[in-house]
C-alpha atoms as a PDB file:
ATOM      1  CA  UNK A   1      11.967  -4.672 -26.654  1.00  0.00           C
ATOM      2  CA  UNK A   2      12.846  -1.169 -27.851  1.00  0.00           C
ATOM      3  CA  UNK A   3      13.391   1.622 -25.350  1.00  0.00           C
ATOM      4  CA  UNK A   4      10.489   3.610 -26.836  1.00  0.00           C
ATOM      5  CA  UNK A   5       8.150   0.645 -26.363  1.00  0.00           C
ATOM      6  CA  UNK A   6       9.251   0.271 -22.746  1.00  0.00           C
ATOM      7  CA  UNK A   7       8.634   3.981 -22.198  1.00  0.00           C
ATOM      8  CA  UNK A   8       5.157   3.726 -23.724  1.00  0.00           C
ATOM      9  CA  UNK A   9       4.309   0.754 -21.519  1.00  0.00           C
ATOM     10  CA  UNK A  10       5.411   2.624 -18.419  1.00  0.00           C
ATOM     11  CA  UNK A  11       3.318   5.662 -19.281  1.00  0.00           C
ATOM     12  CA  UNK A  12       0.302   3.448 -19.926  1.00  0.00           C
ATOM     13  CA  UNK A  13       0.648   2.155 -16.380  1.00  0.00           C
ATOM     14  CA  UNK A  14       0.529   5.675 -14.944  1.00  0.00           C
ATOM     15  CA  UNK A  15      -2.825   5.867 -13.238  1.00  0.00           C
ATOM     16  CA  UNK A  16      -3.186   9.518 -12.422  1.00  0.00           C
ATOM     17  CA  UNK A  17      -1.699  12.935 -12.927  1.00  0.00           C
ATOM     18  CA  UNK A  18      -1.878  14.794  -9.632  1.00  0.00           C
ATOM     19  CA  UNK A  19      -2.963  18.226 -10.822  1.00  0.00           C
ATOM     20  CA  UNK A  20      -2.984  19.305  -7.180  1.00  0.00           C
ATOM     21  CA  UNK A  21       0.837  19.133  -7.180  1.00  0.00           C
ATOM     22  CA  UNK A  22       3.410  21.320  -8.937  1.00  0.00           C
ATOM     23  CA  UNK A  23       7.146  20.993  -9.488  1.00  0.00           C
ATOM     24  CA  UNK A  24       9.885  23.405  -8.379  1.00  0.00           C
ATOM     25  CA  UNK A  25      13.548  23.242  -9.365  1.00  0.00           C
ATOM     26  CA  UNK A  26      16.343  24.009  -6.890  1.00  0.00           C
ATOM     27  CA  UNK A  27      19.761  23.937  -8.513  1.00  0.00           C
ATOM     28  CA  UNK A  28      23.222  25.349  -7.989  1.00  0.00           C
ATOM     29  CA  UNK A  29      26.388  24.284  -6.203  1.00  0.00           C
ATOM     30  CA  UNK A  30      24.938  25.114  -2.756  1.00  0.00           C
ATOM     31  CA  UNK A  31      21.525  23.552  -3.366  1.00  0.00           C
ATOM     32  CA  UNK A  32      21.967  20.456  -1.153  1.00  0.00           C
ATOM     33  CA  UNK A  33      23.334  22.488   1.770  1.00  0.00           C
ATOM     34  CA  UNK A  34      20.581  25.067   1.321  1.00  0.00           C
ATOM     35  CA  UNK A  35      17.783  22.495   1.332  1.00  0.00           C
ATOM     36  CA  UNK A  36      19.300  20.704   4.342  1.00  0.00           C
ATOM     37  CA  UNK A  37      18.878  23.915   6.309  1.00  0.00           C
ATOM     38  CA  UNK A  38      15.265  24.257   5.221  1.00  0.00           C
ATOM     39  CA  UNK A  39      13.759  20.739   5.378  1.00  0.00           C
ATOM     40  CA  UNK A  40      13.066  18.269   8.183  1.00  0.00           C
ATOM     41  CA  UNK A  41      14.669  15.350   6.324  1.00  0.00           C
ATOM     42  CA  UNK A  42      18.257  14.831   5.162  1.00  0.00           C
ATOM     43  CA  UNK A  43      18.583  15.831   1.527  1.00  0.00           C
ATOM     44  CA  UNK A  44      19.156  12.725  -0.603  1.00  0.00           C
ATOM     45  CA  UNK A  45      21.843  12.051  -3.171  1.00  0.00           C
ATOM     46  CA  UNK A  46      20.889  10.548  -6.551  1.00  0.00           C
ATOM     47  CA  UNK A  47      21.977   7.170  -5.156  1.00  0.00           C
ATOM     48  CA  UNK A  48      19.611   7.530  -2.191  1.00  0.00           C
ATOM     49  CA  UNK A  49      16.538   8.173  -4.318  1.00  0.00           C
ATOM     50  CA  UNK A  50      13.788  10.601  -3.352  1.00  0.00           C
ATOM     51  CA  UNK A  51      12.589  11.544   0.122  1.00  0.00           C
ATOM     52  CA  UNK A  52       9.577  13.072   1.817  1.00  0.00           C
ATOM     53  CA  UNK A  53       9.997  16.126   4.066  1.00  0.00           C
ATOM     54  CA  UNK A  54       8.330  19.152   5.587  1.00  0.00           C
ATOM     55  CA  UNK A  55       9.246  22.827   5.546  1.00  0.00           C
ATOM     56  CA  UNK A  56       8.515  24.536   8.867  1.00  0.00           C
ATOM     57  CA  UNK A  57       8.047  28.075  10.094  1.00  0.00           C
ATOM     58  CA  UNK A  58      10.635  29.436  12.581  1.00  0.00           C
ATOM     59  CA  UNK A  59       8.316  28.601  15.548  1.00  0.00           C
ATOM     60  CA  UNK A  60       8.171  25.003  14.290  1.00  0.00           C
ATOM     61  CA  UNK A  61       4.737  24.755  12.688  1.00  0.00           C
ATOM     62  CA  UNK A  62       3.957  23.317   9.271  1.00  0.00           C
ATOM     63  CA  UNK A  63       4.326  25.438   6.178  1.00  0.00           C
ATOM     64  CA  UNK A  64       4.574  22.931   3.320  1.00  0.00           C
ATOM     65  CA  UNK A  65       4.941  19.217   2.687  1.00  0.00           C
ATOM     66  CA  UNK A  66       7.236  18.219  -0.166  1.00  0.00           C
ATOM     67  CA  UNK A  67       8.822  15.314  -1.990  1.00  0.00           C
ATOM     68  CA  UNK A  68      12.482  15.855  -2.917  1.00  0.00           C
ATOM     69  CA  UNK A  69      13.850  14.234  -6.076  1.00  0.00           C
ATOM     70  CA  UNK A  70      17.627  14.500  -6.662  1.00  0.00           C
ATOM     71  CA  UNK A  71      18.690  14.397 -10.304  1.00  0.00           C
ATOM     72  CA  UNK A  72      22.342  15.254  -9.646  1.00  0.00           C
ATOM     73  CA  UNK A  73      24.514  16.374  -6.744  1.00  0.00           C
ATOM     74  CA  UNK A  74      23.435  19.986  -7.230  1.00  0.00           C
ATOM     75  CA  UNK A  75      19.972  19.736  -8.805  1.00  0.00           C
ATOM     76  CA  UNK A  76      16.714  18.822  -7.065  1.00  0.00           C
ATOM     77  CA  UNK A  77      13.033  18.850  -7.922  1.00  0.00           C
ATOM     78  CA  UNK A  78      10.434  19.558  -5.236  1.00  0.00           C
ATOM     79  CA  UNK A  79       6.867  18.274  -5.585  1.00  0.00           C
ATOM     80  CA  UNK A  80       4.561  20.652  -3.651  1.00  0.00           C
ATOM     81  CA  UNK A  81       0.893  21.650  -3.338  1.00  0.00           C
ATOM     82  CA  UNK A  82       0.038  23.660  -6.472  1.00  0.00           C
ATOM     83  CA  UNK A  83      -1.845  26.287  -4.456  1.00  0.00           C
ATOM     84  CA  UNK A  84       1.296  27.282  -2.570  1.00  0.00           C
ATOM     85  CA  UNK A  85       4.024  26.644  -5.153  1.00  0.00           C
ATOM     86  CA  UNK A  86       4.633  30.377  -5.600  1.00  0.00           C
ATOM     87  CA  UNK A  87       4.909  30.698  -1.824  1.00  0.00           C
ATOM     88  CA  UNK A  88       7.512  27.930  -1.683  1.00  0.00           C
ATOM     89  CA  UNK A  89       9.597  29.687  -4.345  1.00  0.00           C
ATOM     90  CA  UNK A  90       9.302  32.995  -2.476  1.00  0.00           C
ATOM     91  CA  UNK A  91      10.284  31.374   0.833  1.00  0.00           C
ATOM     92  CA  UNK A  92      13.325  29.705  -0.727  1.00  0.00           C
ATOM     93  CA  UNK A  93      14.436  32.980  -2.277  1.00  0.00           C
ATOM     94  CA  UNK A  94      13.991  34.675   1.101  1.00  0.00           C
ATOM     95  CA  UNK A  95      16.272  32.191   2.850  1.00  0.00           C
ATOM     96  CA  UNK A  96      18.921  31.611   0.203  1.00  0.00           C
ATOM     97  CA  UNK A  97      20.791  34.876   0.981  1.00  0.00           C
ATOM     98  CA  UNK A  98      24.190  34.504  -0.740  1.00  0.00           C
ATOM     99  CA  UNK A  99      23.898  30.790  -1.426  1.00  0.00           C
ATOM    100  CA  UNK A 100      24.685  29.775  -4.993  1.00  0.00           C
ATOM    101  CA  UNK A 101      21.171  28.517  -5.614  1.00  0.00           C
ATOM    102  CA  UNK A 102      18.442  29.206  -8.155  1.00  0.00           C
ATOM    103  CA  UNK A 103      14.833  28.377  -7.307  1.00  0.00           C
ATOM    104  CA  UNK A 104      12.057  28.447  -9.908  1.00  0.00           C
ATOM    105  CA  UNK A 105       8.820  26.793 -10.918  1.00  0.00           C
ATOM    106  CA  UNK A 106       9.009  24.146 -13.629  1.00  0.00           C
ATOM    107  CA  UNK A 107       6.507  24.345 -16.484  1.00  0.00           C
ATOM    108  CA  UNK A 108       5.495  21.325 -18.537  1.00  0.00           C
ATOM    109  CA  UNK A 109       6.347  18.745 -15.877  1.00  0.00           C
ATOM    110  CA  UNK A 110       3.640  16.906 -13.977  1.00  0.00           C
ATOM    111  CA  UNK A 111       3.475  14.736 -10.870  1.00  0.00           C
ATOM    112  CA  UNK A 112       2.009  11.287 -11.504  1.00  0.00           C
ATOM    113  CA  UNK A 113       0.859   8.538  -9.196  1.00  0.00           C
ATOM    114  CA  UNK A 114       1.276   4.884 -10.072  1.00  0.00           C
ATOM    115  CA  UNK A 115      -0.504   2.278  -7.980  1.00  0.00           C
ATOM    116  CA  UNK A 116       1.910  -0.639  -7.864  1.00  0.00           C
ATOM    117  CA  UNK A 117      -0.506  -2.998  -6.186  1.00  0.00           C
ATOM    118  CA  UNK A 118      -0.872  -6.186  -8.186  1.00  0.00           C
ATOM    119  CA  UNK A 119       2.155  -5.503 -10.408  1.00  0.00           C
ATOM    120  CA  UNK A 120       4.191  -8.651 -10.988  1.00  0.00           C
ATOM    121  CA  UNK A 121       7.735  -8.822  -9.664  1.00  0.00           C
ATOM    122  CA  UNK A 122       9.259  -9.199 -13.137  1.00  0.00           C
ATOM    123  CA  UNK A 123       7.256  -6.269 -14.513  1.00  0.00           C
ATOM    124  CA  UNK A 124       8.188  -4.132 -11.510  1.00  0.00           C
ATOM    125  CA  UNK A 125      11.903  -4.883 -11.934  1.00  0.00           C
ATOM    126  CA  UNK A 126      11.679  -4.045 -15.643  1.00  0.00           C
ATOM    127  CA  UNK A 127      10.003  -0.726 -14.898  1.00  0.00           C
ATOM    128  CA  UNK A 128      12.549   0.119 -12.214  1.00  0.00           C
ATOM    129  CA  UNK A 129      15.339  -0.630 -14.683  1.00  0.00           C
ATOM    130  CA  UNK A 130      13.897   1.530 -17.427  1.00  0.00           C
ATOM    131  CA  UNK A 131      11.858   4.205 -15.645  1.00  0.00           C
ATOM    132  CA  UNK A 132      14.512   6.843 -16.326  1.00  0.00           C
ATOM    133  CA  UNK A 133      13.794   6.531 -20.070  1.00  0.00           C
ATOM    134  CA  UNK A 134      10.223   7.702 -19.629  1.00  0.00           C
ATOM    135  CA  UNK A 135      10.469   9.988 -16.629  1.00  0.00           C
ATOM    136  CA  UNK A 136      12.555  12.746 -15.133  1.00  0.00           C
ATOM    137  CA  UNK A 137      12.583  11.191 -11.659  1.00  0.00           C
ATOM    138  CA  UNK A 138      10.561   8.815  -9.514  1.00  0.00           C
ATOM    139  CA  UNK A 139      10.362   7.354  -6.021  1.00  0.00           C
ATOM    140  CA  UNK A 140       8.395   4.832  -4.025  1.00  0.00           C
ATOM    141  CA  UNK A 141       6.171   6.971  -1.786  1.00  0.00           C
ATOM    142  CA  UNK A 142       7.813   6.528   1.654  1.00  0.00           C
ATOM    143  CA  UNK A 143       4.902   7.791   3.729  1.00  0.00           C
ATOM    144  CA  UNK A 144       3.057   4.494   4.148  1.00  0.00           C
ATOM    145  CA  UNK A 145       3.009   0.998   2.639  1.00  0.00           C
ATOM    146  CA  UNK A 146       0.592   0.902  -0.279  1.00  0.00           C
ATOM    147  CA  UNK A 147       1.028   4.524  -1.372  1.00  0.00           C
ATOM    148  CA  UNK A 148       2.586   3.465  -4.681  1.00  0.00           C
ATOM    149  CA  UNK A 149       5.121   5.334  -6.787  1.00  0.00           C
ATOM    150  CA  UNK A 150       5.375   9.047  -7.548  1.00  0.00           C
ATOM    151  CA  UNK A 151       6.788  10.007 -10.946  1.00  0.00           C
ATOM    152  CA  UNK A 152       7.846  13.331 -12.436  1.00  0.00           C
ATOM    153  CA  UNK A 153       7.328  13.308 -16.197  1.00  0.00           C
ATOM    154  CA  UNK A 154       6.821  15.740 -19.031  1.00  0.00           C
ATOM    155  CA  UNK A 155       3.133  16.557 -19.132  1.00  0.00           C
ATOM    156  CA  UNK A 156       2.793  16.325 -22.908  1.00  0.00           C
ATOM    157  CA  UNK A 157       4.141  12.737 -22.912  1.00  0.00           C
ATOM    158  CA  UNK A 158       2.097  11.380 -20.043  1.00  0.00           C
ATOM    159  CA  UNK A 159      -1.135  13.201 -20.923  1.00  0.00           C
ATOM    160  CA  UNK A 160      -1.854  10.848 -23.849  1.00  0.00           C
ATOM    161  CA  UNK A 161      -1.540   7.795 -21.643  1.00  0.00           C
ATOM    162  CA  UNK A 162      -3.680   9.389 -18.945  1.00  0.00           C
ATOM    163  CA  UNK A 163      -6.453  10.244 -21.414  1.00  0.00           C
ATOM    164  CA  UNK A 164      -6.302   6.792 -22.975  1.00  0.00           C
ATOM    165  CA  UNK A 165      -6.889   5.192 -19.583  1.00  0.00           C
ATOM    166  CA  UNK A 166      -9.043   7.926 -18.075  1.00  0.00           C
ATOM    167  CA  UNK A 167     -11.648   5.421 -16.875  1.00  0.00           C
ATOM    168  CA  UNK A 168      -9.101   4.198 -14.319  1.00  0.00           C
ATOM    169  CA  UNK A 169      -7.432   7.549 -13.683  1.00  0.00           C
ATOM    170  CA  UNK A 170      -9.397   9.693 -11.271  1.00  0.00           C
ATOM    171  CA  UNK A 171      -8.426  11.883  -8.345  1.00  0.00           C
ATOM    172  CA  UNK A 172     -10.866  10.109  -5.995  1.00  0.00           C
ATOM    173  CA  UNK A 173      -8.889   6.878  -6.323  1.00  0.00           C
ATOM    174  CA  UNK A 174      -5.702   8.535  -5.075  1.00  0.00           C
ATOM    175  CA  UNK A 175      -7.493  10.480  -2.340  1.00  0.00           C
ATOM    176  CA  UNK A 176      -9.351   7.378  -1.206  1.00  0.00           C
ATOM    177  CA  UNK A 177      -6.049   5.511  -0.921  1.00  0.00           C
ATOM    178  CA  UNK A 178      -4.540   8.315   1.159  1.00  0.00           C
ATOM    179  CA  UNK A 179      -7.526   8.598   3.445  1.00  0.00           C
ATOM    180  CA  UNK A 180      -7.809   4.850   3.989  1.00  0.00           C
ATOM    181  CA  UNK A 181      -4.188   4.859   5.176  1.00  0.00           C
ATOM    182  CA  UNK A 182      -4.486   8.107   7.144  1.00  0.00           C
ATOM    183  CA  UNK A 183      -1.942   9.974   4.993  1.00  0.00           C
ATOM    184  CA  UNK A 184      -2.289  13.798   4.944  1.00  0.00           C
ATOM    185  CA  UNK A 185      -1.173  15.882   1.972  1.00  0.00           C
ATOM    186  CA  UNK A 186      -1.354  19.557   1.039  1.00  0.00           C
ATOM    187  CA  UNK A 187      -2.837  22.552   2.783  1.00  0.00           C
ATOM    188  CA  UNK A 188      -6.309  21.059   3.346  1.00  0.00           C
ATOM    189  CA  UNK A 189      -4.751  18.508   5.698  1.00  0.00           C
ATOM    190  CA  UNK A 190      -1.559  20.268   6.831  1.00  0.00           C
ATOM    191  CA  UNK A 191      -2.594  23.792   7.767  1.00  0.00           C
ATOM    192  CA  UNK A 192       0.165  26.380   7.212  1.00  0.00           C
ATOM    193  CA  UNK A 193       1.291  28.122  10.424  1.00  0.00           C
ATOM    194  CA  UNK A 194      -1.125  25.963  12.462  1.00  0.00           C
ATOM    195  CA  UNK A 195      -0.365  22.235  12.163  1.00  0.00           C
ATOM    196  CA  UNK A 196       2.499  20.695  14.116  1.00  0.00           C
ATOM    197  CA  UNK A 197       4.713  18.185  12.259  1.00  0.00           C
ATOM    198  CA  UNK A 198       4.507  15.362  14.806  1.00  0.00           C
ATOM    199  CA  UNK A 199       0.748  15.744  15.257  1.00  0.00           C
ATOM    200  CA  UNK A 200       0.609  15.531  11.441  1.00  0.00           C
ATOM    201  CA  UNK A 201       2.515  12.198  11.491  1.00  0.00           C
ATOM    202  CA  UNK A 202       5.471  13.593   9.539  1.00  0.00           C
ATOM    203  CA  UNK A 203       7.693  11.460  11.789  1.00  0.00           C
ATOM    204  CA  UNK A 204       5.681   8.269  11.207  1.00  0.00           C
ATOM    205  CA  UNK A 205       5.740   8.989   7.438  1.00  0.00           C
ATOM    206  CA  UNK A 206       9.562   9.070   7.280  1.00  0.00           C
ATOM    207  CA  UNK A 207       9.630  12.827   6.869  1.00  0.00           C
ATOM    208  CA  UNK A 208      11.843  13.777   9.843  1.00  0.00           C
ATOM    209  CA  UNK A 209      15.455  12.907  10.592  1.00  0.00           C
ATOM    210  CA  UNK A 210      15.920  13.594  14.304  1.00  0.00           C
ATOM    211  CA  UNK A 211      19.714  13.223  14.013  1.00  0.00           C
ATOM    212  CA  UNK A 212      20.391  15.728  11.250  1.00  0.00           C
ATOM    213  CA  UNK A 213      21.829  19.196  11.740  1.00  0.00           C
ATOM    214  CA  UNK A 214      19.995  22.451  12.206  1.00  0.00           C
ATOM    215  CA  UNK A 215      17.052  23.452  10.036  1.00  0.00           C
ATOM    216  CA  UNK A 216      14.393  26.138  10.264  1.00  0.00           C
ATOM    217  CA  UNK A 217      11.876  25.379  13.032  1.00  0.00           C
ATOM    218  CA  UNK A 218      13.634  22.302  14.409  1.00  0.00           C
ATOM    219  CA  UNK A 219      13.725  23.257  18.117  1.00  0.00           C
ATOM    220  CA  UNK A 220      10.086  22.496  18.969  1.00  0.00           C
ATOM    221  CA  UNK A 221      10.068  19.285  16.927  1.00  0.00           C
ATOM    222  CA  UNK A 222      13.245  17.919  18.531  1.00  0.00           C
ATOM    223  CA  UNK A 223      12.160  18.932  22.037  1.00  0.00           C
ATOM    224  CA  UNK A 224       8.775  17.257  21.622  1.00  0.00           C
ATOM    225  CA  UNK A 225      10.393  14.075  20.329  1.00  0.00           C
ATOM    226  CA  UNK A 226      12.851  13.782  23.209  1.00  0.00           C
ATOM    227  CA  UNK A 227      10.979  15.215  26.192  1.00  0.00           C
ATOM    228  CA  UNK A 228       7.330  15.628  25.233  1.00  0.00           C
ATOM    229  CA  UNK A 229       4.282  13.537  24.435  1.00  0.00           C
ATOM    230  CA  UNK A 230       2.198  13.828  21.265  1.00  0.00           C
ATOM    231  CA  UNK A 231      -1.430  13.722  22.409  1.00  0.00           C
ATOM    232  CA  UNK A 232      -3.075  14.510  19.073  1.00  0.00           C
ATOM    233  CA  UNK A 233      -2.457  12.962  15.671  1.00  0.00           C
ATOM    234  CA  UNK A 234      -4.093  12.794  12.267  1.00  0.00           C
ATOM    235  CA  UNK A 235      -6.212   9.637  11.977  1.00  0.00           C
ATOM    236  CA  UNK A 236      -8.305   8.032   9.226  1.00  0.00           C
ATOM    237  CA  UNK A 237     -12.031   8.506   9.835  1.00  0.00           C
ATOM    238  CA  UNK A 238     -15.427   7.657   8.389  1.00  0.00           C
ATOM    239  CA  UNK A 239     -18.364  10.063   8.651  1.00  0.00           C
ATOM    240  CA  UNK A 240     -21.931   8.730   8.724  1.00  0.00           C
ATOM    241  CA  UNK A 241     -25.030  10.909   8.539  1.00  0.00           C
ATOM    242  CA  UNK A 242     -27.513  10.436  11.325  1.00  0.00           C
ATOM    243  CA  UNK A 243     -30.720   8.780  10.212  1.00  0.00           C
ATOM    244  CA  UNK A 244     -33.350  10.774   8.294  1.00  0.00           C
ATOM    245  CA  UNK A 245     -31.065  13.736   7.643  1.00  0.00           C
ATOM    246  CA  UNK A 246     -30.981  13.539   3.843  1.00  0.00           C
ATOM    247  CA  UNK A 247     -28.227  15.101   1.770  1.00  0.00           C
ATOM    248  CA  UNK A 248     -26.356  16.935   4.494  1.00  0.00           C
ATOM    249  CA  UNK A 249     -23.490  19.000   2.988  1.00  0.00           C
ATOM    250  CA  UNK A 250     -20.042  17.601   3.691  1.00  0.00           C
ATOM    251  CA  UNK A 251     -18.369  19.684   6.414  1.00  0.00           C
ATOM    252  CA  UNK A 252     -15.252  21.597   5.273  1.00  0.00           C
ATOM    253  CA  UNK A 253     -11.689  21.220   6.573  1.00  0.00           C
ATOM    254  CA  UNK A 254     -11.085  22.572  10.092  1.00  0.00           C
ATOM    255  CA  UNK A 255     -14.662  21.823  11.182  1.00  0.00           C
ATOM    256  CA  UNK A 256     -14.703  21.015  14.903  1.00  0.00           C
ATOM    257  CA  UNK A 257     -15.209  17.439  16.094  1.00  0.00           C
ATOM    258  CA  UNK A 258     -16.847  16.847  19.477  1.00  0.00           C
ATOM    259  CA  UNK A 259     -17.050  14.035  22.005  1.00  0.00           C
ATOM    260  CA  UNK A 260     -19.883  13.355  24.413  1.00  0.00           C
ATOM    261  CA  UNK A 261     -18.215  12.121  27.601  1.00  0.00           C
ATOM    262  CA  UNK A 262     -20.145  10.660  30.562  1.00  0.00           C
ATOM    263  CA  UNK A 263     -18.311  12.957  32.967  1.00  0.00           C
ATOM    264  CA  UNK A 264     -19.324  16.151  31.133  1.00  0.00           C
ATOM    265  CA  UNK A 265     -22.736  17.761  30.704  1.00  0.00           C
ATOM    266  CA  UNK A 266     -21.836  19.391  27.398  1.00  0.00           C
ATOM    267  CA  UNK A 267     -19.849  18.007  24.438  1.00  0.00           C
ATOM    268  CA  UNK A 268     -16.104  18.628  24.405  1.00  0.00           C
ATOM    269  CA  UNK A 269     -14.237  19.775  21.304  1.00  0.00           C
ATOM    270  CA  UNK A 270     -11.571  17.100  20.692  1.00  0.00           C
ATOM    271  CA  UNK A 271     -10.340  17.610  17.143  1.00  0.00           C
ATOM    272  CA  UNK A 272     -10.734  19.096  13.689  1.00  0.00           C
ATOM    273  CA  UNK A 273     -11.648  17.653  10.330  1.00  0.00           C
ATOM    274  CA  UNK A 274      -9.092  17.608   7.505  1.00  0.00           C
ATOM    275  CA  UNK A 275      -9.799  16.442   3.936  1.00  0.00           C
ATOM    276  CA  UNK A 276     -12.798  14.284   2.967  1.00  0.00           C
ATOM    277  CA  UNK A 277     -14.168  12.287   0.026  1.00  0.00           C
ATOM    278  CA  UNK A 278     -17.739  10.996  -0.512  1.00  0.00           C
ATOM    279  CA  UNK A 279     -18.244   7.233  -0.825  1.00  0.00           C
ATOM    280  CA  UNK A 280     -20.832   5.511  -3.055  1.00  0.00           C
ATOM    281  CA  UNK A 281     -22.760   4.281   0.007  1.00  0.00           C
ATOM    282  CA  UNK A 282     -23.331   7.830   1.268  1.00  0.00           C
ATOM    283  CA  UNK A 283     -20.637   7.764   3.937  1.00  0.00           C
ATOM    284  CA  UNK A 284     -17.603  10.059   3.866  1.00  0.00           C
ATOM    285  CA  UNK A 285     -13.966   8.932   4.044  1.00  0.00           C
ATOM    286  CA  UNK A 286     -11.372  11.326   5.347  1.00  0.00           C
ATOM    287  CA  UNK A 287      -8.809  12.178   7.964  1.00  0.00           C
ATOM    288  CA  UNK A 288      -8.956  14.314  11.081  1.00  0.00           C
ATOM    289  CA  UNK A 289      -6.704  15.687  13.792  1.00  0.00           C
ATOM    290  CA  UNK A 290      -7.973  14.088  17.010  1.00  0.00           C
ATOM    291  CA  UNK A 291      -6.993  13.701  20.622  1.00  0.00           C
ATOM    292  CA  UNK A 292      -5.705  10.140  20.849  1.00  0.00           C
ATOM    293  CA  UNK A 293      -7.330   9.505  24.222  1.00  0.00           C
ATOM    294  CA  UNK A 294     -10.745   9.739  22.527  1.00  0.00           C
ATOM    295  CA  UNK A 295     -10.105   6.407  20.820  1.00  0.00           C
ATOM    296  CA  UNK A 296     -10.456   4.929  24.309  1.00  0.00           C
ATOM    297  CA  UNK A 297     -12.759   7.357  26.083  1.00  0.00           C
ATOM    298  CA  UNK A 298     -15.323   7.953  23.317  1.00  0.00           C
ATOM    299  CA  UNK A 299     -14.802   5.430  20.484  1.00  0.00           C
ATOM    300  CA  UNK A 300     -18.481   5.635  19.472  1.00  0.00           C
ATOM    301  CA  UNK A 301     -19.231   9.109  20.765  1.00  0.00           C
ATOM    302  CA  UNK A 302     -17.474  11.400  18.287  1.00  0.00           C
ATOM    303  CA  UNK A 303     -19.574  13.687  16.115  1.00  0.00           C
ATOM    304  CA  UNK A 304     -19.747  16.899  14.100  1.00  0.00           C
ATOM    305  CA  UNK A 305     -22.486  19.444  14.667  1.00  0.00           C
ATOM    306  CA  UNK A 306     -23.520  22.767  13.130  1.00  0.00           C
ATOM    307  CA  UNK A 307     -22.605  26.112  14.664  1.00  0.00           C
ATOM    308  CA  UNK A 308     -26.167  26.689  15.841  1.00  0.00           C
ATOM    309  CA  UNK A 309     -26.393  23.292  17.486  1.00  0.00           C
ATOM    310  CA  UNK A 310     -29.547  22.535  15.479  1.00  0.00           C
ATOM    311  CA  UNK A 311     -27.859  21.551  12.225  1.00  0.00           C
ATOM    312  CA  UNK A 312     -27.624  17.835  11.331  1.00  0.00           C
ATOM    313  CA  UNK A 313     -24.900  15.867  13.056  1.00  0.00           C
ATOM    314  CA  UNK A 314     -22.384  13.424  11.611  1.00  0.00           C
ATOM    315  CA  UNK A 315     -21.123  10.386  13.475  1.00  0.00           C
ATOM    316  CA  UNK A 316     -17.300  10.166  13.361  1.00  0.00           C
ATOM    317  CA  UNK A 317     -15.560   6.792  13.518  1.00  0.00           C
ATOM    318  CA  UNK A 318     -11.760   7.003  13.927  1.00  0.00           C
ATOM    319  CA  UNK A 319      -9.089   4.318  13.969  1.00  0.00           C
ATOM    320  CA  UNK A 320      -5.325   3.849  14.224  1.00  0.00           C
ATOM    321  CA  UNK A 321      -3.719   2.799  10.901  1.00  0.00           C
ATOM    322  CA  UNK A 322      -2.198  -0.673  10.842  1.00  0.00           C
ATOM    323  CA  UNK A 323       1.053   0.615   9.346  1.00  0.00           C
ATOM    324  CA  UNK A 324       1.917   2.945  12.232  1.00  0.00           C
ATOM    325  CA  UNK A 325       5.218   1.989  13.903  1.00  0.00           C
ATOM    326  CA  UNK A 326       5.368   0.694  17.453  1.00  0.00           C
ATOM    327  CA  UNK A 327       5.499   3.804  19.631  1.00  0.00           C
ATOM    328  CA  UNK A 328       5.758   3.456  23.432  1.00  0.00           C
ATOM    329  CA  UNK A 329       4.617   7.061  23.875  1.00  0.00           C
ATOM    330  CA  UNK A 330       1.438   6.388  21.898  1.00  0.00           C
ATOM    331  CA  UNK A 331       0.807   3.253  23.948  1.00  0.00           C
ATOM    332  CA  UNK A 332       1.314   5.314  27.085  1.00  0.00           C
ATOM    333  CA  UNK A 333      -1.285   7.900  26.046  1.00  0.00           C
ATOM    334  CA  UNK A 334      -3.864   5.185  25.358  1.00  0.00           C
ATOM    335  CA  UNK A 335      -3.125   3.357  28.638  1.00  0.00           C
ATOM    336  CA  UNK A 336      -3.395   6.615  30.564  1.00  0.00           C
ATOM    337  CA  UNK A 337      -6.810   7.287  29.017  1.00  0.00           C
ATOM    338  CA  UNK A 338      -8.006   3.767  29.826  1.00  0.00           C
ATOM    339  CA  UNK A 339      -6.859   3.992  33.438  1.00  0.00           C
ATOM    340  CA  UNK A 340      -8.424   7.421  33.792  1.00  0.00           C
ATOM    341  CA  UNK A 341     -11.804   6.093  32.700  1.00  0.00           C
ATOM    342  CA  UNK A 342     -11.561   3.179  35.137  1.00  0.00           C
ATOM    343  CA  UNK A 343     -11.026   5.517  38.094  1.00  0.00           C
ATOM    344  CA  UNK A 344     -14.021   7.714  37.281  1.00  0.00           C
END
């Protein structure tokens, strides 16, 4: 089979261009050292493949999530939320000081998602062998099993394949996959200057190396990992309208989530909504930042209400993703909540 035919076949298997993501180039002899001081994950070599990471503020809160693709020892591509790509470039230029680094947006290159579920082993090996012919860089998404492959490719080449297979190439499919797995992405889910990396599951999603050297904002993250307890995390949720409430508008990100606890006369605010996506059956899939103890104390008592208290309510059903790693601290939080309820 000719190389051009292999390239065409690969592009035909691309399911979606992620227009919500943009590409930034960081290159120069100091680029790896520079990025190591900026990101929560160790910067990969071309032999390592790509990695997922976060960029934090000096106090240790989330600024941006990013995928890092090395193309050589001193050249990297960053895949970031399109709405903040200019901010990422500005931040990098602020921190580079005298480093021999150039940071700039990349035009004409898109981020693509390929769902590798159901791909045969032989076909997958062939694509892995030849993907460099058709793409600039690619990686298996390390955040959670089932998140597929991310590919950087020239937009003009991949656009034809995307249009040809547009019936199977929609943003909802990618978002639904993320939400079903509880994977946050972009500023709707990871709120700049507000979200904390461990509450956002950056550690569970292979985005933090707790053994690497210094980077901006590391102190709070490292201290929490070694001496603290994470009591809130982003979880996959389903929203259901209460009966006879018609077409209630979907609540926006950062809407408060409440719990009705037997020990309290009034509902308690226990979390905030992140991104959402309507389902054909009228329910809403999404993710939310929630207090973990509520999975025990109020598993069926979570809801969203309007500011006036008279607006229609949504039932909120949350769950722990199956792919989460075994975490004794998480188990401890849930046991503590269960024991607390038994003593009341």
